[in-house]
Amino acid sequence: MSIQQTTRKTQDGNALVIRPPSVEDAADIHELIAQCPPLEINSCYTYLLLSTHFRTTCAVALNQKRMAAFLGAYVIPEHKDTLFVWQIAVHTDFRGKGVGQLMLESLLNREALSHLDYIEATVAPSNLASLVLFRRFASRHHSPFHVSSHFGQHLFRSKEHEEERLIRIGPLPPTRHS
């Protein structure tokens, strides 16, 4: 089964190629995450795994072959109708231009993911950009948006790490093509 590559335009007209990641992208993804606090950076090996084992549910956005954004996600094993969005990173040059929305739309339009009914993610209360992105996505698709407690601060054993609240969007409409 082939995985789609799409070309989309940002709100300011920049062309982005959105496609599944490859192993050659892993180091660039790792570097991008490092440039996007407050995202937690994981090992390059983690991004190699995401670029191979989970490439169907992940995406990179390239602008003139330059890494503009990364979306890491997976289908929850116990809930095959739910996509869990683990990380979305957008390079500072592309923030505020709808890139996160474009990537999420592109991902959900993949034939292999057409069965999904829900999107979940955990978001710290101070991560306003992610909250806005997911609220807008839910609104655009006329889908319910719920926030609930999930991982309390005490679970991280660090006073610097905020709690992570669970966002749940869905059910999604059967036809999502934008």
C-alpha atoms as a PDB file:
ATOM      1  CA  MET A   1       0.000   0.000   0.000  1.00  0.00           C
ATOM      2  CA  SER A   2       1.436   3.358  -0.964  1.00  0.00           C
ATOM      3  CA  ILE A   3       1.225   6.292   1.394  1.00  0.00           C
ATOM      4  CA  GLN A   4       0.114   9.612   0.030  1.00  0.00           C
ATOM      5  CA  GLN A   5       2.310  12.626  -0.466  1.00  0.00           C
ATOM      6  CA  THR A   6       0.451  15.903  -0.760  1.00  0.00           C
ATOM      7  CA  THR A   7       1.384  19.463  -1.551  1.00  0.00           C
ATOM      8  CA  ARG A   8      -0.465  22.110   0.426  1.00  0.00           C
ATOM      9  CA  LYS A   9      -0.178  25.880   0.746  1.00  0.00           C
ATOM     10  CA  THR A  10       0.175  27.644   4.077  1.00  0.00           C
ATOM     11  CA  GLN A  11      -1.982  30.673   4.872  1.00  0.00           C
ATOM     12  CA  ASP A  12       0.754  32.934   3.504  1.00  0.00           C
ATOM     13  CA  GLY A  13       1.193  30.930   0.279  1.00  0.00           C
ATOM     14  CA  ASN A  14       4.283  28.832   1.056  1.00  0.00           C
ATOM     15  CA  ALA A  15       4.176  25.411  -0.613  1.00  0.00           C
ATOM     16  CA  LEU A  16       4.649  22.433   1.700  1.00  0.00           C
ATOM     17  CA  VAL A  17       5.168  18.835   0.698  1.00  0.00           C
ATOM     18  CA  ILE A  18       3.565  16.686   3.382  1.00  0.00           C
ATOM     19  CA  ARG A  19       4.573  13.041   3.390  1.00  0.00           C
ATOM     20  CA  PRO A  20       5.406  10.162   5.704  1.00  0.00           C
ATOM     21  CA  PRO A  21       8.835  10.419   7.316  1.00  0.00           C
ATOM     22  CA  SER A  22      11.770   8.261   6.227  1.00  0.00           C
ATOM     23  CA  VAL A  23      14.815   7.135   8.183  1.00  0.00           C
ATOM     24  CA  GLU A  24      16.766   9.902   6.475  1.00  0.00           C
ATOM     25  CA  ASP A  25      14.423  12.423   8.162  1.00  0.00           C
ATOM     26  CA  ALA A  26      14.983  11.212  11.735  1.00  0.00           C
ATOM     27  CA  ALA A  27      17.998  13.410  12.538  1.00  0.00           C
ATOM     28  CA  ASP A  28      16.234  16.482  11.095  1.00  0.00           C
ATOM     29  CA  ILE A  29      13.121  15.675  13.145  1.00  0.00           C
ATOM     30  CA  HIS A  30      15.280  15.337  16.272  1.00  0.00           C
ATOM     31  CA  GLU A  31      16.880  18.714  15.540  1.00  0.00           C
ATOM     32  CA  LEU A  32      13.494  20.350  14.888  1.00  0.00           C
ATOM     33  CA  ILE A  33      12.075  19.078  18.200  1.00  0.00           C
ATOM     34  CA  ALA A  34      15.135  20.488  19.997  1.00  0.00           C
ATOM     35  CA  GLN A  35      14.273  23.910  18.515  1.00  0.00           C
ATOM     36  CA  CYS A  36      10.653  23.755  19.699  1.00  0.00           C
ATOM     37  CA  PRO A  37      10.411  24.125  23.457  1.00  0.00           C
ATOM     38  CA  PRO A  38       8.401  23.225  25.457  1.00  0.00           C
ATOM     39  CA  LEU A  39       8.305  19.955  23.475  1.00  0.00           C
ATOM     40  CA  GLU A  40      10.287  17.206  25.129  1.00  0.00           C
ATOM     41  CA  ILE A  41      13.128  15.971  22.994  1.00  0.00           C
ATOM     42  CA  ASN A  42      13.574  12.241  22.730  1.00  0.00           C
ATOM     43  CA  SER A  43      16.530  10.299  21.387  1.00  0.00           C
ATOM     44  CA  CYS A  44      17.219  10.240  17.669  1.00  0.00           C
ATOM     45  CA  TYR A  45      16.502   6.506  17.906  1.00  0.00           C
ATOM     46  CA  THR A  46      12.906   7.331  18.892  1.00  0.00           C
ATOM     47  CA  TYR A  47      12.478   9.344  15.699  1.00  0.00           C
ATOM     48  CA  LEU A  48      14.052   6.516  13.676  1.00  0.00           C
ATOM     49  CA  LEU A  49      11.373   4.185  15.070  1.00  0.00           C
ATOM     50  CA  LEU A  50       8.618   6.673  14.345  1.00  0.00           C
ATOM     51  CA  SER A  51       9.954   7.068  10.795  1.00  0.00           C
ATOM     52  CA  THR A  52       9.821   3.327  10.183  1.00  0.00           C
ATOM     53  CA  HIS A  53       7.358   1.504  12.456  1.00  0.00           C
ATOM     54  CA  PHE A  54       4.858   4.373  12.617  1.00  0.00           C
ATOM     55  CA  ARG A  55       5.399   6.141   9.291  1.00  0.00           C
ATOM     56  CA  THR A  56       1.780   5.514   8.266  1.00  0.00           C
ATOM     57  CA  THR A  57       0.610   7.652  11.185  1.00  0.00           C
ATOM     58  CA  CYS A  58       3.369  10.290  11.140  1.00  0.00           C
ATOM     59  CA  ALA A  59       4.120  13.142   8.767  1.00  0.00           C
ATOM     60  CA  VAL A  60       6.803  15.641   7.874  1.00  0.00           C
ATOM     61  CA  ALA A  61       6.233  18.925   6.074  1.00  0.00           C
ATOM     62  CA  LEU A  62       9.000  20.170   3.805  1.00  0.00           C
ATOM     63  CA  ASN A  63       9.426  23.580   2.251  1.00  0.00           C
ATOM     64  CA  GLN A  64      11.987  23.467  -0.544  1.00  0.00           C
ATOM     65  CA  LYS A  65      13.417  20.260   1.001  1.00  0.00           C
ATOM     66  CA  ARG A  66      13.790  21.994   4.397  1.00  0.00           C
ATOM     67  CA  MET A  67      12.098  20.445   7.455  1.00  0.00           C
ATOM     68  CA  ALA A  68       9.221  22.792   8.326  1.00  0.00           C
ATOM     69  CA  ALA A  69       7.201  20.556  10.643  1.00  0.00           C
ATOM     70  CA  PHE A  70       6.728  17.090  12.109  1.00  0.00           C
ATOM     71  CA  LEU A  71       3.635  15.324  13.394  1.00  0.00           C
ATOM     72  CA  GLY A  72       4.143  12.124  15.382  1.00  0.00           C
ATOM     73  CA  ALA A  73       1.106   9.961  16.071  1.00  0.00           C
ATOM     74  CA  TYR A  74      -0.033   6.353  16.386  1.00  0.00           C
ATOM     75  CA  VAL A  75      -3.238   4.349  16.505  1.00  0.00           C
ATOM     76  CA  ILE A  76      -3.958   3.326  20.096  1.00  0.00           C
ATOM     77  CA  PRO A  77      -3.661  -0.493  20.203  1.00  0.00           C
ATOM     78  CA  GLU A  78      -6.685  -0.942  22.500  1.00  0.00           C
ATOM     79  CA  HIS A  79      -8.752   1.607  20.554  1.00  0.00           C
ATOM     80  CA  LYS A  80      -8.173   1.032  16.827  1.00  0.00           C
ATOM     81  CA  ASP A  81     -10.552   3.878  15.953  1.00  0.00           C
ATOM     82  CA  THR A  82      -8.426   6.475  17.790  1.00  0.00           C
ATOM     83  CA  LEU A  83      -5.332   8.334  16.619  1.00  0.00           C
ATOM     84  CA  PHE A  84      -3.125   9.577  19.447  1.00  0.00           C
ATOM     85  CA  VAL A  85      -1.168  12.674  18.418  1.00  0.00           C
ATOM     86  CA  TRP A  86       2.063  12.515  20.366  1.00  0.00           C
ATOM     87  CA  GLN A  87       4.005  15.531  19.079  1.00  0.00           C
ATOM     88  CA  ILE A  88       3.516  18.353  16.629  1.00  0.00           C
ATOM     89  CA  ALA A  89       6.534  20.553  15.992  1.00  0.00           C
ATOM     90  CA  VAL A  90       6.528  23.524  13.642  1.00  0.00           C
ATOM     91  CA  HIS A  91       9.700  25.452  12.827  1.00  0.00           C
ATOM     92  CA  THR A  92       9.537  29.070  13.994  1.00  0.00           C
ATOM     93  CA  ASP A  93       9.553  30.305  10.371  1.00  0.00           C
ATOM     94  CA  PHE A  94       6.250  28.496   9.745  1.00  0.00           C
ATOM     95  CA  ARG A  95       4.306  29.100  12.974  1.00  0.00           C
ATOM     96  CA  GLY A  96       0.984  30.887  12.851  1.00  0.00           C
ATOM     97  CA  LYS A  97       0.411  29.858   9.222  1.00  0.00           C
ATOM     98  CA  GLY A  98      -1.889  26.876   9.704  1.00  0.00           C
ATOM     99  CA  VAL A  99       0.829  24.244   9.223  1.00  0.00           C
ATOM    100  CA  GLY A 100      -0.353  22.067  12.127  1.00  0.00           C
ATOM    101  CA  GLN A 101      -3.888  22.025  10.694  1.00  0.00           C
ATOM    102  CA  LEU A 102      -2.585  21.158   7.211  1.00  0.00           C
ATOM    103  CA  MET A 103      -0.547  18.273   8.577  1.00  0.00           C
ATOM    104  CA  LEU A 104      -3.387  16.869  10.648  1.00  0.00           C
ATOM    105  CA  GLU A 105      -5.787  17.140   7.700  1.00  0.00           C
ATOM    106  CA  SER A 106      -3.273  15.495   5.366  1.00  0.00           C
ATOM    107  CA  LEU A 107      -2.679  12.653   7.799  1.00  0.00           C
ATOM    108  CA  LEU A 108      -6.374  11.965   8.338  1.00  0.00           C
ATOM    109  CA  ASN A 109      -7.004  11.965   4.588  1.00  0.00           C
ATOM    110  CA  ARG A 110      -4.693   8.989   4.126  1.00  0.00           C
ATOM    111  CA  GLU A 111      -6.617   5.962   2.944  1.00  0.00           C
ATOM    112  CA  ALA A 112      -4.986   3.757   5.606  1.00  0.00           C
ATOM    113  CA  LEU A 113      -6.430   6.022   8.326  1.00  0.00           C
ATOM    114  CA  SER A 114      -9.934   6.524   6.914  1.00  0.00           C
ATOM    115  CA  HIS A 115     -11.389   4.269   9.634  1.00  0.00           C
ATOM    116  CA  LEU A 116     -10.473   6.644  12.463  1.00  0.00           C
ATOM    117  CA  ASP A 117     -13.305   8.196  14.468  1.00  0.00           C
ATOM    118  CA  TYR A 118     -11.392   9.986  17.231  1.00  0.00           C
ATOM    119  CA  ILE A 119      -8.253  12.010  17.856  1.00  0.00           C
ATOM    120  CA  GLU A 120      -6.614  12.158  21.259  1.00  0.00           C
ATOM    121  CA  ALA A 121      -3.610  14.029  22.592  1.00  0.00           C
ATOM    122  CA  THR A 122      -2.264  15.100  25.936  1.00  0.00           C
ATOM    123  CA  VAL A 123      -1.536  18.788  26.359  1.00  0.00           C
ATOM    124  CA  ALA A 124      -0.130  20.774  29.259  1.00  0.00           C
ATOM    125  CA  PRO A 125      -2.374  23.691  30.290  1.00  0.00           C
ATOM    126  CA  SER A 126       0.284  26.235  29.308  1.00  0.00           C
ATOM    127  CA  ASN A 127       0.610  24.858  25.754  1.00  0.00           C
ATOM    128  CA  LEU A 128      -1.868  27.300  24.268  1.00  0.00           C
ATOM    129  CA  ALA A 129      -0.749  26.727  20.668  1.00  0.00           C
ATOM    130  CA  SER A 130      -1.706  23.038  20.830  1.00  0.00           C
ATOM    131  CA  LEU A 131      -4.986  23.784  22.571  1.00  0.00           C
ATOM    132  CA  VAL A 132      -5.911  26.288  19.855  1.00  0.00           C
ATOM    133  CA  LEU A 133      -4.889  23.881  17.078  1.00  0.00           C
ATOM    134  CA  PHE A 134      -7.044  21.043  18.403  1.00  0.00           C
ATOM    135  CA  ARG A 135     -10.026  23.306  19.196  1.00  0.00           C
ATOM    136  CA  ARG A 136      -9.932  24.731  15.670  1.00  0.00           C
ATOM    137  CA  PHE A 137      -9.691  21.257  14.168  1.00  0.00           C
ATOM    138  CA  ALA A 138     -12.722  20.085  16.165  1.00  0.00           C
ATOM    139  CA  SER A 139     -14.682  23.189  15.205  1.00  0.00           C
ATOM    140  CA  ARG A 140     -13.795  22.854  11.538  1.00  0.00           C
ATOM    141  CA  HIS A 141     -15.071  19.267  11.558  1.00  0.00           C
ATOM    142  CA  HIS A 142     -18.119  20.017  13.726  1.00  0.00           C
ATOM    143  CA  SER A 143     -16.863  17.414  16.186  1.00  0.00           C
ATOM    144  CA  PRO A 144     -17.145  17.373  19.964  1.00  0.00           C
ATOM    145  CA  PHE A 145     -14.076  18.556  21.896  1.00  0.00           C
ATOM    146  CA  HIS A 146     -13.487  17.237  25.421  1.00  0.00           C
ATOM    147  CA  VAL A 147     -10.712  17.934  27.923  1.00  0.00           C
ATOM    148  CA  SER A 148     -10.181  15.796  31.014  1.00  0.00           C
ATOM    149  CA  SER A 149      -7.507  15.057  33.604  1.00  0.00           C
ATOM    150  CA  HIS A 150      -5.058  12.392  32.515  1.00  0.00           C
ATOM    151  CA  PHE A 151      -1.451  12.435  33.755  1.00  0.00           C
ATOM    152  CA  GLY A 152      -1.154  14.363  37.010  1.00  0.00           C
ATOM    153  CA  GLN A 153       1.956  16.386  37.745  1.00  0.00           C
ATOM    154  CA  HIS A 154       2.940  13.925  40.504  1.00  0.00           C
ATOM    155  CA  LEU A 155       3.436  11.167  37.914  1.00  0.00           C
ATOM    156  CA  PHE A 156       6.347  13.048  36.353  1.00  0.00           C
ATOM    157  CA  ARG A 157       8.265  13.296  39.654  1.00  0.00           C
ATOM    158  CA  SER A 158       9.286  16.805  38.694  1.00  0.00           C
ATOM    159  CA  LYS A 159       7.744  20.034  39.858  1.00  0.00           C
ATOM    160  CA  GLU A 160       8.788  21.592  36.544  1.00  0.00           C
ATOM    161  CA  HIS A 161       6.562  19.269  34.503  1.00  0.00           C
ATOM    162  CA  GLU A 162       2.926  20.288  34.328  1.00  0.00           C
ATOM    163  CA  GLU A 163       0.051  17.877  34.326  1.00  0.00           C
ATOM    164  CA  GLU A 164      -0.975  16.562  30.914  1.00  0.00           C
ATOM    165  CA  ARG A 165      -4.679  16.849  30.148  1.00  0.00           C
ATOM    166  CA  LEU A 166      -6.340  14.502  27.684  1.00  0.00           C
ATOM    167  CA  ILE A 167      -7.967  16.091  24.669  1.00  0.00           C
ATOM    168  CA  ARG A 168     -10.484  13.968  22.791  1.00  0.00           C
ATOM    169  CA  ILE A 169     -12.051  15.014  19.491  1.00  0.00           C
ATOM    170  CA  GLY A 170     -14.839  13.034  17.918  1.00  0.00           C
ATOM    171  CA  PRO A 171     -16.577  11.292  16.589  1.00  0.00           C
ATOM    172  CA  LEU A 172     -15.165  12.709  13.363  1.00  0.00           C
ATOM    173  CA  PRO A 173     -17.415  13.011  10.317  1.00  0.00           C
ATOM    174  CA  PRO A 174     -17.155  10.060   7.927  1.00  0.00           C
ATOM    175  CA  THR A 175     -15.916  12.296   5.099  1.00  0.00           C
ATOM    176  CA  ARG A 176     -13.021  14.521   6.145  1.00  0.00           C
ATOM    177  CA  HIS A 177     -11.483  15.466   2.824  1.00  0.00           C
ATOM    178  CA  SER A 178     -10.711  19.167   2.818  1.00  0.00           C
END
